[in-house]
N, C-alpha and C. Protein backbone atom coordinates (compact mmCIF):
# COMPACT_ATOMS: atom_id res chain seq x y z
N MET A 1 21.16 -19.00 -44.13
CA MET A 1 22.20 -19.55 -43.19
C MET A 1 21.80 -19.28 -41.70
N VAL A 2 21.90 -20.29 -40.92
CA VAL A 2 21.47 -20.17 -39.50
C VAL A 2 22.64 -19.65 -38.66
N ASP A 3 22.28 -18.72 -37.79
CA ASP A 3 23.33 -18.12 -36.90
C ASP A 3 23.83 -19.12 -35.92
N ARG A 4 25.13 -19.18 -35.60
CA ARG A 4 25.66 -20.12 -34.72
C ARG A 4 25.00 -20.12 -33.35
N CYS A 5 24.65 -18.85 -32.83
CA CYS A 5 23.97 -18.76 -31.61
C CYS A 5 22.59 -19.44 -31.56
N VAL A 6 21.96 -19.14 -32.62
CA VAL A 6 20.56 -19.73 -32.80
C VAL A 6 20.62 -21.28 -32.89
N LEU A 7 21.60 -21.79 -33.61
CA LEU A 7 21.78 -23.16 -33.73
C LEU A 7 22.12 -23.93 -32.38
N LYS A 8 22.88 -23.25 -31.58
CA LYS A 8 23.23 -23.77 -30.24
C LYS A 8 21.96 -23.80 -29.36
N GLN A 9 21.11 -22.81 -29.53
CA GLN A 9 19.92 -22.71 -28.67
C GLN A 9 18.94 -23.87 -29.12
N MET A 10 18.92 -24.21 -30.44
CA MET A 10 18.00 -25.21 -30.83
C MET A 10 18.44 -26.68 -30.51
N THR A 11 19.70 -26.87 -30.24
CA THR A 11 20.20 -28.17 -29.85
C THR A 11 19.88 -28.50 -28.37
N ALA A 12 20.63 -29.26 -27.70
CA ALA A 12 20.43 -29.62 -26.32
C ALA A 12 20.49 -28.41 -25.43
N PRO A 13 19.67 -28.27 -24.34
CA PRO A 13 19.68 -27.17 -23.50
C PRO A 13 21.01 -27.30 -22.65
N ILE A 14 21.61 -26.13 -22.36
CA ILE A 14 22.82 -26.07 -21.63
C ILE A 14 22.57 -25.33 -20.27
N ASP A 15 23.12 -25.89 -19.24
CA ASP A 15 23.08 -25.19 -17.96
C ASP A 15 24.15 -24.07 -18.00
N CYS A 16 23.78 -22.90 -18.40
CA CYS A 16 24.64 -21.83 -18.69
C CYS A 16 25.41 -21.39 -17.41
N SER A 17 24.67 -21.29 -16.25
CA SER A 17 25.39 -20.73 -15.06
C SER A 17 26.46 -21.72 -14.57
N ALA A 18 26.18 -23.07 -14.65
CA ALA A 18 27.19 -23.94 -14.13
C ALA A 18 28.44 -23.99 -15.11
N GLN A 19 28.14 -23.94 -16.44
CA GLN A 19 29.19 -23.96 -17.35
C GLN A 19 30.02 -22.68 -17.32
N PHE A 20 29.27 -21.57 -17.18
CA PHE A 20 30.03 -20.31 -17.04
C PHE A 20 30.90 -20.22 -15.85
N LYS A 21 30.42 -20.80 -14.74
CA LYS A 21 31.28 -20.96 -13.52
C LYS A 21 32.53 -21.70 -13.84
N ARG A 22 32.40 -22.80 -14.56
CA ARG A 22 33.57 -23.61 -14.93
C ARG A 22 34.48 -22.75 -15.81
N ASN A 23 33.91 -21.99 -16.73
CA ASN A 23 34.65 -21.19 -17.69
C ASN A 23 35.43 -20.16 -16.85
N ARG A 24 34.79 -19.51 -15.86
CA ARG A 24 35.47 -18.47 -15.06
C ARG A 24 36.66 -19.09 -14.30
N GLN A 25 36.47 -20.28 -13.75
CA GLN A 25 37.57 -20.96 -12.98
C GLN A 25 38.76 -21.32 -13.96
N GLN A 26 38.33 -21.78 -15.12
CA GLN A 26 39.37 -22.04 -16.13
C GLN A 26 40.11 -20.83 -16.56
N THR A 27 39.40 -19.69 -16.62
CA THR A 27 40.07 -18.38 -17.01
C THR A 27 41.09 -18.03 -15.95
N TRP A 28 40.65 -18.18 -14.65
CA TRP A 28 41.52 -17.81 -13.51
C TRP A 28 42.71 -18.68 -13.55
N TRP A 29 42.61 -19.98 -13.79
CA TRP A 29 43.80 -20.90 -13.74
C TRP A 29 44.69 -20.57 -14.99
N ALA A 30 44.14 -20.09 -16.02
CA ALA A 30 44.99 -19.83 -17.23
C ALA A 30 45.72 -18.40 -17.09
N THR A 31 45.13 -17.56 -16.28
CA THR A 31 45.73 -16.11 -16.25
C THR A 31 46.46 -15.84 -14.94
N ARG A 32 46.31 -16.66 -13.96
CA ARG A 32 46.96 -16.23 -12.65
C ARG A 32 48.44 -16.09 -12.69
N VAL A 33 49.17 -16.98 -13.43
CA VAL A 33 50.58 -16.93 -13.49
C VAL A 33 50.97 -15.62 -14.25
N TRP A 34 50.28 -15.33 -15.29
CA TRP A 34 50.56 -14.14 -16.10
C TRP A 34 50.29 -12.80 -15.31
N CYS A 35 49.23 -12.86 -14.54
CA CYS A 35 48.93 -11.73 -13.56
C CYS A 35 50.07 -11.51 -12.53
N LEU A 36 50.57 -12.66 -12.00
CA LEU A 36 51.67 -12.52 -11.06
C LEU A 36 52.94 -12.02 -11.76
N VAL A 37 53.25 -12.49 -12.94
CA VAL A 37 54.43 -12.07 -13.61
C VAL A 37 54.36 -10.58 -13.98
N GLU A 38 53.08 -10.13 -14.30
CA GLU A 38 52.90 -8.75 -14.63
C GLU A 38 53.14 -7.82 -13.41
N ALA A 39 52.55 -8.36 -12.24
CA ALA A 39 52.69 -7.58 -11.01
C ALA A 39 54.17 -7.53 -10.60
N ILE A 40 54.92 -8.61 -10.76
CA ILE A 40 56.39 -8.54 -10.39
C ILE A 40 57.02 -7.61 -11.26
N ALA A 41 56.74 -7.61 -12.64
CA ALA A 41 57.40 -6.66 -13.54
C ALA A 41 57.03 -5.18 -13.22
N ILE A 42 55.90 -4.91 -12.81
CA ILE A 42 55.42 -3.60 -12.40
C ILE A 42 56.27 -3.06 -11.21
N LEU A 43 56.37 -4.02 -10.19
CA LEU A 43 57.09 -3.64 -8.99
C LEU A 43 58.55 -3.48 -9.26
N ALA A 44 59.11 -4.36 -10.16
CA ALA A 44 60.55 -4.18 -10.47
C ALA A 44 60.77 -2.90 -11.20
N LEU A 45 59.87 -2.54 -12.07
CA LEU A 45 59.99 -1.21 -12.80
C LEU A 45 60.04 -0.03 -11.87
N PHE A 46 59.12 -0.01 -10.88
CA PHE A 46 59.07 1.13 -10.00
C PHE A 46 59.98 1.08 -8.90
N LEU A 47 60.42 -0.08 -8.43
CA LEU A 47 61.28 -0.15 -7.29
C LEU A 47 62.77 -0.43 -7.76
N GLY A 48 62.96 -0.59 -9.05
CA GLY A 48 64.29 -0.83 -9.53
C GLY A 48 65.19 0.30 -9.60
N PRO A 49 66.35 0.17 -10.17
CA PRO A 49 67.31 1.30 -10.22
C PRO A 49 66.77 2.47 -11.03
N ARG A 50 67.09 3.68 -10.49
CA ARG A 50 66.68 4.87 -11.09
C ARG A 50 67.87 5.87 -11.15
N GLY A 51 67.60 6.84 -12.00
CA GLY A 51 68.70 7.85 -12.15
C GLY A 51 68.17 8.88 -13.10
N ASN A 52 68.87 10.04 -13.08
CA ASN A 52 68.45 11.15 -13.92
C ASN A 52 69.14 10.96 -15.25
N GLU A 53 69.02 11.95 -16.18
CA GLU A 53 69.61 11.83 -17.45
C GLU A 53 71.06 11.76 -17.47
N ALA A 54 71.69 12.45 -16.55
CA ALA A 54 73.17 12.45 -16.53
C ALA A 54 73.74 11.13 -15.96
N THR A 55 73.01 10.46 -15.04
CA THR A 55 73.51 9.22 -14.43
C THR A 55 72.81 7.96 -14.88
N PHE A 56 72.00 8.10 -15.96
CA PHE A 56 71.19 6.92 -16.42
C PHE A 56 72.11 6.03 -17.25
N SER A 57 72.34 4.82 -16.85
CA SER A 57 73.31 3.96 -17.50
C SER A 57 72.61 3.03 -18.45
N GLU A 58 73.33 2.38 -19.27
CA GLU A 58 72.89 1.48 -20.28
C GLU A 58 72.10 0.25 -19.58
N GLY A 59 72.74 -0.22 -18.43
CA GLY A 59 72.17 -1.31 -17.68
C GLY A 59 70.78 -0.90 -17.05
N GLN A 60 70.62 0.30 -16.61
CA GLN A 60 69.31 0.74 -16.08
C GLN A 60 68.26 0.78 -17.21
N PHE A 61 68.71 1.33 -18.36
CA PHE A 61 67.86 1.31 -19.51
C PHE A 61 67.37 -0.03 -19.91
N THR A 62 68.36 -1.01 -20.01
CA THR A 62 67.99 -2.39 -20.38
C THR A 62 67.06 -3.03 -19.36
N PHE A 63 67.30 -2.84 -18.04
CA PHE A 63 66.45 -3.35 -17.04
C PHE A 63 65.04 -2.87 -17.19
N GLN A 64 64.84 -1.58 -17.37
CA GLN A 64 63.48 -0.92 -17.58
C GLN A 64 62.85 -1.42 -18.83
N LEU A 65 63.61 -1.56 -19.95
CA LEU A 65 63.08 -2.02 -21.15
C LEU A 65 62.57 -3.50 -21.07
N VAL A 66 63.36 -4.37 -20.33
CA VAL A 66 62.91 -5.75 -20.14
C VAL A 66 61.64 -5.76 -19.27
N CYS A 67 61.58 -4.97 -18.29
CA CYS A 67 60.34 -4.86 -17.52
C CYS A 67 59.12 -4.49 -18.25
N VAL A 68 59.31 -3.48 -19.17
CA VAL A 68 58.14 -3.08 -20.03
C VAL A 68 57.75 -4.18 -21.00
N VAL A 69 58.73 -4.87 -21.55
CA VAL A 69 58.45 -5.96 -22.58
C VAL A 69 57.75 -7.14 -21.90
N VAL A 70 58.17 -7.44 -20.63
CA VAL A 70 57.58 -8.52 -19.84
C VAL A 70 56.09 -8.12 -19.51
N MET A 71 55.92 -6.86 -19.13
CA MET A 71 54.51 -6.40 -18.90
C MET A 71 53.65 -6.46 -20.16
N MET A 72 54.17 -6.13 -21.29
CA MET A 72 53.42 -6.25 -22.50
C MET A 72 53.10 -7.66 -22.90
N ILE A 73 53.98 -8.60 -22.73
CA ILE A 73 53.81 -10.02 -23.04
C ILE A 73 52.84 -10.63 -22.12
N SER A 74 52.91 -10.31 -20.88
CA SER A 74 52.02 -10.90 -19.84
C SER A 74 50.60 -10.30 -19.95
N GLY A 75 50.50 -9.08 -20.33
CA GLY A 75 49.21 -8.44 -20.58
C GLY A 75 48.56 -9.02 -21.82
N LEU A 76 49.27 -9.24 -22.86
CA LEU A 76 48.74 -9.90 -24.12
C LEU A 76 48.28 -11.31 -23.78
N ALA A 77 49.12 -12.12 -23.06
CA ALA A 77 48.70 -13.47 -22.66
C ALA A 77 47.48 -13.48 -21.92
N THR A 78 47.33 -12.48 -21.00
CA THR A 78 46.05 -12.42 -20.14
C THR A 78 44.90 -12.16 -21.01
N ILE A 79 45.05 -11.20 -21.94
CA ILE A 79 43.92 -10.92 -22.84
C ILE A 79 43.51 -12.09 -23.74
N LEU A 80 44.51 -12.79 -24.25
CA LEU A 80 44.22 -13.95 -25.14
C LEU A 80 43.62 -15.04 -24.34
N ALA A 81 44.02 -15.30 -23.16
CA ALA A 81 43.43 -16.34 -22.26
C ALA A 81 42.02 -15.99 -21.91
N THR A 82 41.77 -14.70 -21.66
CA THR A 82 40.41 -14.31 -21.31
C THR A 82 39.51 -14.41 -22.47
N ARG A 83 40.00 -14.10 -23.70
CA ARG A 83 39.17 -14.21 -24.89
C ARG A 83 38.85 -15.70 -25.27
N LYS A 84 39.75 -16.58 -24.80
CA LYS A 84 39.65 -17.94 -25.11
C LYS A 84 38.69 -18.71 -24.13
N TYR A 85 38.80 -18.36 -22.80
CA TYR A 85 38.11 -19.20 -21.81
C TYR A 85 36.99 -18.48 -21.20
N TYR A 86 36.89 -17.11 -21.11
CA TYR A 86 35.84 -16.42 -20.37
C TYR A 86 34.79 -16.14 -21.41
N ILE A 87 33.95 -17.14 -21.77
CA ILE A 87 32.99 -17.08 -22.82
C ILE A 87 31.65 -17.56 -22.30
N CYS A 88 30.63 -17.03 -22.91
CA CYS A 88 29.27 -17.52 -22.61
C CYS A 88 29.04 -18.90 -23.20
N PRO A 89 28.54 -19.80 -22.45
CA PRO A 89 28.27 -21.12 -22.99
C PRO A 89 27.30 -21.18 -24.21
N ARG A 90 26.43 -20.26 -24.18
CA ARG A 90 25.40 -20.34 -25.25
C ARG A 90 25.92 -19.71 -26.60
N CYS A 91 26.48 -18.63 -26.54
CA CYS A 91 26.88 -17.90 -27.78
C CYS A 91 28.35 -17.91 -28.12
N ASP A 92 29.19 -18.43 -27.17
CA ASP A 92 30.58 -18.52 -27.35
C ASP A 92 31.27 -17.05 -27.56
N GLU A 93 30.73 -16.09 -26.90
CA GLU A 93 31.22 -14.76 -27.00
C GLU A 93 31.60 -14.30 -25.56
N VAL A 94 32.53 -13.39 -25.45
CA VAL A 94 32.98 -12.81 -24.21
C VAL A 94 31.83 -11.88 -23.70
N PRO A 95 31.32 -12.08 -22.52
CA PRO A 95 30.24 -11.28 -22.06
C PRO A 95 30.68 -9.81 -21.89
N GLY A 96 29.95 -8.91 -22.55
CA GLY A 96 30.26 -7.50 -22.40
C GLY A 96 30.08 -6.83 -23.70
N ARG A 97 29.71 -5.59 -23.73
CA ARG A 97 29.61 -4.87 -24.96
C ARG A 97 30.85 -4.22 -25.39
N SER A 98 31.48 -3.42 -24.47
CA SER A 98 32.71 -2.66 -24.79
C SER A 98 33.73 -3.00 -23.83
N GLY A 99 33.97 -4.35 -23.64
CA GLY A 99 34.98 -4.81 -22.66
C GLY A 99 34.57 -6.07 -22.07
N VAL A 100 35.03 -6.47 -20.96
CA VAL A 100 34.68 -7.70 -20.38
C VAL A 100 33.88 -7.36 -19.02
N SER A 101 32.71 -7.91 -18.93
CA SER A 101 31.90 -7.78 -17.69
C SER A 101 32.45 -8.83 -16.65
N LEU A 102 32.87 -8.34 -15.52
CA LEU A 102 33.47 -9.26 -14.50
C LEU A 102 32.47 -10.20 -13.81
N PHE A 103 31.37 -9.59 -13.52
CA PHE A 103 30.31 -10.38 -12.82
C PHE A 103 29.00 -10.22 -13.56
N PRO A 104 28.85 -10.81 -14.77
CA PRO A 104 27.63 -10.65 -15.50
C PRO A 104 26.49 -11.58 -15.01
N TYR A 105 25.29 -11.07 -14.77
CA TYR A 105 24.25 -11.96 -14.40
C TYR A 105 23.55 -12.49 -15.67
N VAL A 106 23.60 -11.68 -16.67
CA VAL A 106 23.02 -12.02 -17.97
C VAL A 106 23.95 -11.69 -19.08
N CYS A 107 24.15 -12.62 -20.11
CA CYS A 107 25.02 -12.25 -21.21
C CYS A 107 24.38 -11.20 -22.05
N PRO A 108 25.09 -10.03 -22.27
CA PRO A 108 24.52 -8.99 -23.08
C PRO A 108 24.38 -9.34 -24.55
N ASN A 109 25.02 -10.40 -24.94
CA ASN A 109 25.08 -10.74 -26.36
C ASN A 109 23.81 -11.60 -26.70
N CYS A 110 23.55 -12.55 -25.91
CA CYS A 110 22.44 -13.53 -26.25
C CYS A 110 21.33 -13.62 -25.12
N GLY A 111 21.57 -13.09 -23.93
CA GLY A 111 20.50 -12.98 -22.91
C GLY A 111 20.50 -14.19 -21.94
N ALA A 112 21.50 -15.16 -22.04
CA ALA A 112 21.60 -16.30 -21.20
C ALA A 112 21.89 -15.86 -19.79
N THR A 113 21.26 -16.58 -18.84
CA THR A 113 21.53 -16.34 -17.41
C THR A 113 22.83 -16.99 -17.09
N LEU A 114 23.84 -16.20 -16.58
CA LEU A 114 25.21 -16.71 -16.32
C LEU A 114 25.44 -16.89 -14.83
N MET A 115 24.78 -16.25 -13.98
CA MET A 115 24.96 -16.44 -12.53
C MET A 115 23.69 -16.72 -11.76
């Protein structure tokens, strides 16, 4: 069985750097709203109503719980969009070994030049 990465290399040559630039732009357009929502939720959480254990009301707890849930949802959406769009054109994997490389010159998975 032929590996998918090897099969893509054997077919038409791909301009990896131009395609990766388009992938990066597409990732930014897909994640920018979620990043903004997450930043607003973080600000609301830290600048919102506060109180100690004696004066902590149910409304304050609900507000903080909603902020945390919104942060989790927007973080998950950002991760999913990054895994979908921020990929190497040659091997269709996210560039990076133990995370996401933000400015990779070479894909660590297949060796394609990305920048």
